[in-house]
Amino acid sequence: MQFGGGTQSRAKRRGFTLTELMVVVAMIGILATLAIVGYQRYLRSAGSAEVKAVMQGIRIAEEAYKSETFQYKDCSDSLTDWYPYSPSDKKSDWDNSNHHRYKDWKELNVITDGPVKFGYAVVAGVAPDVGVSNVAYCGNWASAHSNIEGPWFVVSAAGDQDADGVQSRFAASSRTGQICVDKSAGDDE
């Protein structure tokens, strides 16, 4: 009878080879890469969801305002006069009493669930006295808005979704319910 030290018991105690360990490390690396890409996509999608929700809130508030006053509320000096703050990669409280058009935004009565990552702008007017603002990155924007008569509004949003210095931009108008996305940044969902 032989205890320990036999060739059969040594074979049972044998560990992993270097090749097997390298294969496992490579598989973990691939899985980690896929997880990071998926997580970044999830974050961009969440940012896009914020934009859609706030723009829908602005649309509803504008229609309510128009039903009382027969015109839409102009809350920004231009489509880059951002509220509550200039776009960045940080979230900001929606209520910014230091903004120079705060009273207009307060009167429009848009409410968010919490801090926002994007800056928003709303310009409005009455056509043909004031033409609809053009949004160059939205295909067919000029032709779709060329024959508007009466009140109109345009809302835009911008923000750095993944802190890479590239702003994602979105726009919509009273003419359509669609939100157009600036695809040139390559940062949007």
C-alpha atoms as a PDB file:
ATOM      1  CA  MET A   1       0.000   0.000   0.000  1.00  0.00           C
ATOM      2  CA  GLN A   2       1.357   3.377  -1.003  1.00  0.00           C
ATOM      3  CA  PHE A   3       0.296   6.644   0.676  1.00  0.00           C
ATOM      4  CA  GLY A   4       0.760   9.948  -1.198  1.00  0.00           C
ATOM      5  CA  GLY A   5       3.608  10.572  -3.541  1.00  0.00           C
ATOM      6  CA  GLY A   6       2.331   8.106  -6.166  1.00  0.00           C
ATOM      7  CA  THR A   7       2.113   9.072  -9.808  1.00  0.00           C
ATOM      8  CA  GLN A   8      -1.636   8.728  -9.849  1.00  0.00           C
ATOM      9  CA  SER A   9      -2.189  11.078  -6.883  1.00  0.00           C
ATOM     10  CA  ARG A  10       0.210  13.669  -8.376  1.00  0.00           C
ATOM     11  CA  ALA A  11      -1.840  13.739 -11.573  1.00  0.00           C
ATOM     12  CA  LYS A  12      -4.976  14.447  -9.570  1.00  0.00           C
ATOM     13  CA  ARG A  13      -3.291  17.386  -7.794  1.00  0.00           C
ATOM     14  CA  ARG A  14      -2.011  18.962 -11.037  1.00  0.00           C
ATOM     15  CA  GLY A  15      -3.052  22.674 -11.466  1.00  0.00           C
ATOM     16  CA  PHE A  16      -3.872  24.742 -14.529  1.00  0.00           C
ATOM     17  CA  THR A  17      -1.368  25.182 -17.293  1.00  0.00           C
ATOM     18  CA  LEU A  18      -0.172  28.618 -18.317  1.00  0.00           C
ATOM     19  CA  THR A  19      -2.131  28.310 -21.589  1.00  0.00           C
ATOM     20  CA  GLU A  20      -5.363  27.543 -19.760  1.00  0.00           C
ATOM     21  CA  LEU A  21      -4.883  30.549 -17.466  1.00  0.00           C
ATOM     22  CA  MET A  22      -4.181  32.817 -20.442  1.00  0.00           C
ATOM     23  CA  VAL A  23      -7.375  31.643 -22.156  1.00  0.00           C
ATOM     24  CA  VAL A  24      -9.400  32.412 -19.013  1.00  0.00           C
ATOM     25  CA  VAL A  25      -7.820  35.882 -18.681  1.00  0.00           C
ATOM     26  CA  ALA A  26      -8.566  36.611 -22.354  1.00  0.00           C
ATOM     27  CA  MET A  27     -12.203  35.534 -21.907  1.00  0.00           C
ATOM     28  CA  ILE A  28     -12.562  37.791 -18.855  1.00  0.00           C
ATOM     29  CA  GLY A  29     -11.074  40.678 -20.846  1.00  0.00           C
ATOM     30  CA  ILE A  30     -13.535  40.161 -23.693  1.00  0.00           C
ATOM     31  CA  LEU A  31     -16.476  39.981 -21.290  1.00  0.00           C
ATOM     32  CA  ALA A  32     -15.313  43.137 -19.493  1.00  0.00           C
ATOM     33  CA  THR A  33     -15.026  45.004 -22.814  1.00  0.00           C
ATOM     34  CA  LEU A  34     -18.543  43.962 -23.801  1.00  0.00           C
ATOM     35  CA  ALA A  35     -19.853  45.047 -20.408  1.00  0.00           C
ATOM     36  CA  ILE A  36     -18.227  48.489 -20.679  1.00  0.00           C
ATOM     37  CA  VAL A  37     -19.628  49.057 -24.181  1.00  0.00           C
ATOM     38  CA  GLY A  38     -23.074  47.984 -23.015  1.00  0.00           C
ATOM     39  CA  TYR A  39     -22.908  50.247 -19.979  1.00  0.00           C
ATOM     40  CA  GLN A  40     -21.883  53.262 -22.084  1.00  0.00           C
ATOM     41  CA  ARG A  41     -24.767  52.571 -24.460  1.00  0.00           C
ATOM     42  CA  TYR A  42     -27.118  52.332 -21.467  1.00  0.00           C
ATOM     43  CA  LEU A  43     -25.919  55.728 -20.163  1.00  0.00           C
ATOM     44  CA  ARG A  44     -26.440  57.387 -23.578  1.00  0.00           C
ATOM     45  CA  SER A  45     -29.874  55.843 -23.795  1.00  0.00           C
ATOM     46  CA  ALA A  46     -30.713  57.201 -20.335  1.00  0.00           C
ATOM     47  CA  GLY A  47     -29.588  60.675 -21.442  1.00  0.00           C
ATOM     48  CA  SER A  48     -31.782  60.432 -24.512  1.00  0.00           C
ATOM     49  CA  ALA A  49     -34.695  59.384 -22.296  1.00  0.00           C
ATOM     50  CA  GLU A  50     -34.240  62.571 -20.243  1.00  0.00           C
ATOM     51  CA  VAL A  51     -34.344  64.685 -23.393  1.00  0.00           C
ATOM     52  CA  LYS A  52     -37.482  62.958 -24.662  1.00  0.00           C
ATOM     53  CA  ALA A  53     -39.261  63.366 -21.318  1.00  0.00           C
ATOM     54  CA  VAL A  54     -38.346  67.042 -20.852  1.00  0.00           C
ATOM     55  CA  MET A  55     -39.136  67.927 -24.475  1.00  0.00           C
ATOM     56  CA  GLN A  56     -42.515  66.217 -24.103  1.00  0.00           C
ATOM     57  CA  GLY A  57     -43.079  68.235 -20.913  1.00  0.00           C
ATOM     58  CA  ILE A  58     -42.187  71.436 -22.777  1.00  0.00           C
ATOM     59  CA  ARG A  59     -44.552  70.500 -25.623  1.00  0.00           C
ATOM     60  CA  ILE A  60     -47.430  69.906 -23.184  1.00  0.00           C
ATOM     61  CA  ALA A  61     -46.697  73.148 -21.310  1.00  0.00           C
ATOM     62  CA  GLU A  62     -46.522  75.108 -24.591  1.00  0.00           C
ATOM     63  CA  GLU A  63     -49.876  73.714 -25.766  1.00  0.00           C
ATOM     64  CA  ALA A  64     -51.456  74.577 -22.402  1.00  0.00           C
ATOM     65  CA  TYR A  65     -50.007  78.092 -22.627  1.00  0.00           C
ATOM     66  CA  LYS A  66     -51.301  78.478 -26.191  1.00  0.00           C
ATOM     67  CA  SER A  67     -54.806  77.363 -25.205  1.00  0.00           C
ATOM     68  CA  GLU A  68     -54.933  80.301 -22.768  1.00  0.00           C
ATOM     69  CA  THR A  69     -53.055  82.995 -24.716  1.00  0.00           C
ATOM     70  CA  PHE A  70     -53.384  81.906 -28.399  1.00  0.00           C
ATOM     71  CA  GLN A  71     -49.589  81.935 -28.790  1.00  0.00           C
ATOM     72  CA  TYR A  72     -46.621  79.914 -27.600  1.00  0.00           C
ATOM     73  CA  LYS A  73     -44.268  81.072 -24.827  1.00  0.00           C
ATOM     74  CA  ASP A  74     -40.825  82.326 -25.886  1.00  0.00           C
ATOM     75  CA  CYS A  75     -38.430  81.349 -23.071  1.00  0.00           C
ATOM     76  CA  SER A  76     -34.998  81.784 -24.696  1.00  0.00           C
ATOM     77  CA  ASP A  77     -33.184  84.488 -26.629  1.00  0.00           C
ATOM     78  CA  SER A  78     -31.944  81.888 -29.149  1.00  0.00           C
ATOM     79  CA  LEU A  79     -31.750  78.123 -29.639  1.00  0.00           C
ATOM     80  CA  THR A  80     -28.465  78.204 -27.707  1.00  0.00           C
ATOM     81  CA  ASP A  81     -29.692  80.241 -24.723  1.00  0.00           C
ATOM     82  CA  TRP A  82     -29.726  77.172 -22.485  1.00  0.00           C
ATOM     83  CA  TYR A  83     -31.825  76.656 -19.368  1.00  0.00           C
ATOM     84  CA  PRO A  84     -31.173  75.804 -16.569  1.00  0.00           C
ATOM     85  CA  TYR A  85     -27.428  76.029 -17.347  1.00  0.00           C
ATOM     86  CA  SER A  86     -25.073  75.705 -20.297  1.00  0.00           C
ATOM     87  CA  PRO A  87     -24.721  72.067 -21.334  1.00  0.00           C
ATOM     88  CA  SER A  88     -22.045  70.094 -19.536  1.00  0.00           C
ATOM     89  CA  ASP A  89     -21.440  66.552 -18.368  1.00  0.00           C
ATOM     90  CA  LYS A  90     -22.793  67.342 -14.876  1.00  0.00           C
ATOM     91  CA  LYS A  91     -26.396  67.286 -13.716  1.00  0.00           C
ATOM     92  CA  SER A  92     -28.026  70.562 -12.632  1.00  0.00           C
ATOM     93  CA  ASP A  93     -31.167  71.413 -10.708  1.00  0.00           C
ATOM     94  CA  TRP A  94     -33.997  72.448 -13.019  1.00  0.00           C
ATOM     95  CA  ASP A  95     -34.975  75.482 -10.942  1.00  0.00           C
ATOM     96  CA  ASN A  96     -32.347  78.168 -11.700  1.00  0.00           C
ATOM     97  CA  SER A  97     -33.521  81.551 -10.406  1.00  0.00           C
ATOM     98  CA  ASN A  98     -30.238  83.138 -11.608  1.00  0.00           C
ATOM     99  CA  HIS A  99     -31.043  82.527 -15.282  1.00  0.00           C
ATOM    100  CA  HIS A 100     -31.924  85.775 -17.083  1.00  0.00           C
ATOM    101  CA  ARG A 101     -35.157  84.230 -18.495  1.00  0.00           C
ATOM    102  CA  TYR A 102     -36.126  82.401 -15.292  1.00  0.00           C
ATOM    103  CA  LYS A 103     -39.528  84.116 -15.075  1.00  0.00           C
ATOM    104  CA  ASP A 104     -40.431  82.946 -18.581  1.00  0.00           C
ATOM    105  CA  TRP A 105     -39.498  79.350 -17.764  1.00  0.00           C
ATOM    106  CA  LYS A 106     -41.394  79.568 -14.476  1.00  0.00           C
ATOM    107  CA  GLU A 107     -44.460  80.877 -16.308  1.00  0.00           C
ATOM    108  CA  LEU A 108     -44.242  78.042 -18.838  1.00  0.00           C
ATOM    109  CA  ASN A 109     -44.388  75.704 -15.813  1.00  0.00           C
ATOM    110  CA  VAL A 110     -42.215  72.830 -16.983  1.00  0.00           C
ATOM    111  CA  ILE A 111     -41.468  70.375 -14.177  1.00  0.00           C
ATOM    112  CA  THR A 112     -38.770  67.685 -14.102  1.00  0.00           C
ATOM    113  CA  ASP A 113     -38.378  64.680 -11.821  1.00  0.00           C
ATOM    114  CA  GLY A 114     -34.954  65.820 -10.666  1.00  0.00           C
ATOM    115  CA  PRO A 115     -31.688  67.326 -11.871  1.00  0.00           C
ATOM    116  CA  VAL A 116     -31.076  67.401 -15.636  1.00  0.00           C
ATOM    117  CA  LYS A 117     -27.927  66.779 -17.637  1.00  0.00           C
ATOM    118  CA  PHE A 118     -28.977  68.768 -20.718  1.00  0.00           C
ATOM    119  CA  GLY A 119     -29.553  72.448 -21.362  1.00  0.00           C
ATOM    120  CA  TYR A 120     -32.856  73.404 -23.036  1.00  0.00           C
ATOM    121  CA  ALA A 121     -33.953  76.359 -25.151  1.00  0.00           C
ATOM    122  CA  VAL A 122     -37.383  77.348 -26.475  1.00  0.00           C
ATOM    123  CA  VAL A 123     -37.954  80.065 -29.042  1.00  0.00           C
ATOM    124  CA  ALA A 124     -41.424  80.985 -30.255  1.00  0.00           C
ATOM    125  CA  GLY A 125     -43.126  83.424 -32.548  1.00  0.00           C
ATOM    126  CA  VAL A 126     -45.967  84.005 -34.975  1.00  0.00           C
ATOM    127  CA  ALA A 127     -45.418  83.349 -38.685  1.00  0.00           C
ATOM    128  CA  PRO A 128     -45.160  85.042 -41.125  1.00  0.00           C
ATOM    129  CA  ASP A 129     -44.073  87.991 -38.899  1.00  0.00           C
ATOM    130  CA  VAL A 130     -41.273  85.908 -37.400  1.00  0.00           C
ATOM    131  CA  GLY A 131     -39.976  82.886 -39.308  1.00  0.00           C
ATOM    132  CA  VAL A 132     -39.360  79.538 -37.674  1.00  0.00           C
ATOM    133  CA  SER A 133     -35.773  79.113 -36.496  1.00  0.00           C
ATOM    134  CA  ASN A 134     -33.779  76.773 -38.705  1.00  0.00           C
ATOM    135  CA  VAL A 135     -32.110  73.673 -37.284  1.00  0.00           C
ATOM    136  CA  ALA A 136     -29.430  72.705 -39.791  1.00  0.00           C
ATOM    137  CA  TYR A 137     -28.841  69.149 -38.546  1.00  0.00           C
ATOM    138  CA  CYS A 138     -32.516  68.190 -38.949  1.00  0.00           C
ATOM    139  CA  GLY A 139     -33.146  66.856 -42.439  1.00  0.00           C
ATOM    140  CA  ASN A 140     -35.947  68.574 -44.364  1.00  0.00           C
ATOM    141  CA  TRP A 141     -36.409  71.103 -41.544  1.00  0.00           C
ATOM    142  CA  ALA A 142     -36.599  74.148 -43.824  1.00  0.00           C
ATOM    143  CA  SER A 143     -39.133  72.616 -46.208  1.00  0.00           C
ATOM    144  CA  ALA A 144     -41.302  71.227 -43.387  1.00  0.00           C
ATOM    145  CA  HIS A 145     -41.480  74.637 -41.705  1.00  0.00           C
ATOM    146  CA  SER A 146     -41.594  76.950 -44.735  1.00  0.00           C
ATOM    147  CA  ASN A 147     -45.364  77.304 -44.943  1.00  0.00           C
ATOM    148  CA  ILE A 148     -46.290  77.829 -41.279  1.00  0.00           C
ATOM    149  CA  GLU A 149     -48.925  80.473 -40.642  1.00  0.00           C
ATOM    150  CA  GLY A 150     -49.608  81.432 -37.044  1.00  0.00           C
ATOM    151  CA  PRO A 151     -47.962  80.529 -33.734  1.00  0.00           C
ATOM    152  CA  TRP A 152     -44.954  78.192 -33.613  1.00  0.00           C
ATOM    153  CA  PHE A 153     -42.219  77.092 -31.218  1.00  0.00           C
ATOM    154  CA  VAL A 154     -38.906  75.273 -31.524  1.00  0.00           C
ATOM    155  CA  VAL A 155     -37.228  73.497 -28.622  1.00  0.00           C
ATOM    156  CA  SER A 156     -33.602  72.374 -28.593  1.00  0.00           C
ATOM    157  CA  ALA A 157     -31.462  70.472 -26.108  1.00  0.00           C
ATOM    158  CA  ALA A 158     -27.734  69.854 -25.794  1.00  0.00           C
ATOM    159  CA  GLY A 159     -25.479  68.045 -23.343  1.00  0.00           C
ATOM    160  CA  ASP A 160     -22.305  66.009 -23.034  1.00  0.00           C
ATOM    161  CA  GLN A 161     -23.636  62.520 -22.379  1.00  0.00           C
ATOM    162  CA  ASP A 162     -20.344  60.742 -21.741  1.00  0.00           C
ATOM    163  CA  ALA A 163     -17.920  63.493 -20.638  1.00  0.00           C
ATOM    164  CA  ASP A 164     -15.925  63.333 -23.881  1.00  0.00           C
ATOM    165  CA  GLY A 165     -16.324  67.021 -24.759  1.00  0.00           C
ATOM    166  CA  VAL A 166     -18.759  66.253 -27.600  1.00  0.00           C
ATOM    167  CA  GLN A 167     -22.274  67.629 -27.195  1.00  0.00           C
ATOM    168  CA  SER A 168     -25.313  65.635 -28.192  1.00  0.00           C
ATOM    169  CA  ARG A 169     -27.992  67.864 -29.731  1.00  0.00           C
ATOM    170  CA  PHE A 170     -31.726  67.381 -30.186  1.00  0.00           C
ATOM    171  CA  ALA A 171     -34.533  69.562 -31.604  1.00  0.00           C
ATOM    172  CA  ALA A 172     -38.301  69.505 -32.117  1.00  0.00           C
ATOM    173  CA  SER A 173     -40.995  71.950 -33.103  1.00  0.00           C
ATOM    174  CA  SER A 174     -44.700  72.610 -32.760  1.00  0.00           C
ATOM    175  CA  ARG A 175     -45.053  71.470 -36.377  1.00  0.00           C
ATOM    176  CA  THR A 176     -44.113  67.843 -35.732  1.00  0.00           C
ATOM    177  CA  GLY A 177     -44.057  65.532 -32.756  1.00  0.00           C
ATOM    178  CA  GLN A 178     -40.715  64.102 -33.809  1.00  0.00           C
ATOM    179  CA  ILE A 179     -37.406  64.810 -32.106  1.00  0.00           C
ATOM    180  CA  CYS A 180     -34.495  65.078 -34.506  1.00  0.00           C
ATOM    181  CA  VAL A 181     -31.002  64.119 -33.409  1.00  0.00           C
ATOM    182  CA  ASP A 182     -27.691  65.546 -34.563  1.00  0.00           C
ATOM    183  CA  LYS A 183     -25.984  62.374 -35.764  1.00  0.00           C
ATOM    184  CA  SER A 184     -22.719  64.169 -36.624  1.00  0.00           C
ATOM    185  CA  ALA A 185     -21.539  63.921 -33.021  1.00  0.00           C
ATOM    186  CA  GLY A 186     -21.804  60.149 -33.109  1.00  0.00           C
ATOM    187  CA  ASP A 187     -22.814  60.371 -29.472  1.00  0.00           C
ATOM    188  CA  ASP A 188     -26.557  59.840 -29.585  1.00  0.00           C
ATOM    189  CA  GLU A 189     -28.969  56.970 -29.240  1.00  0.00           C
END
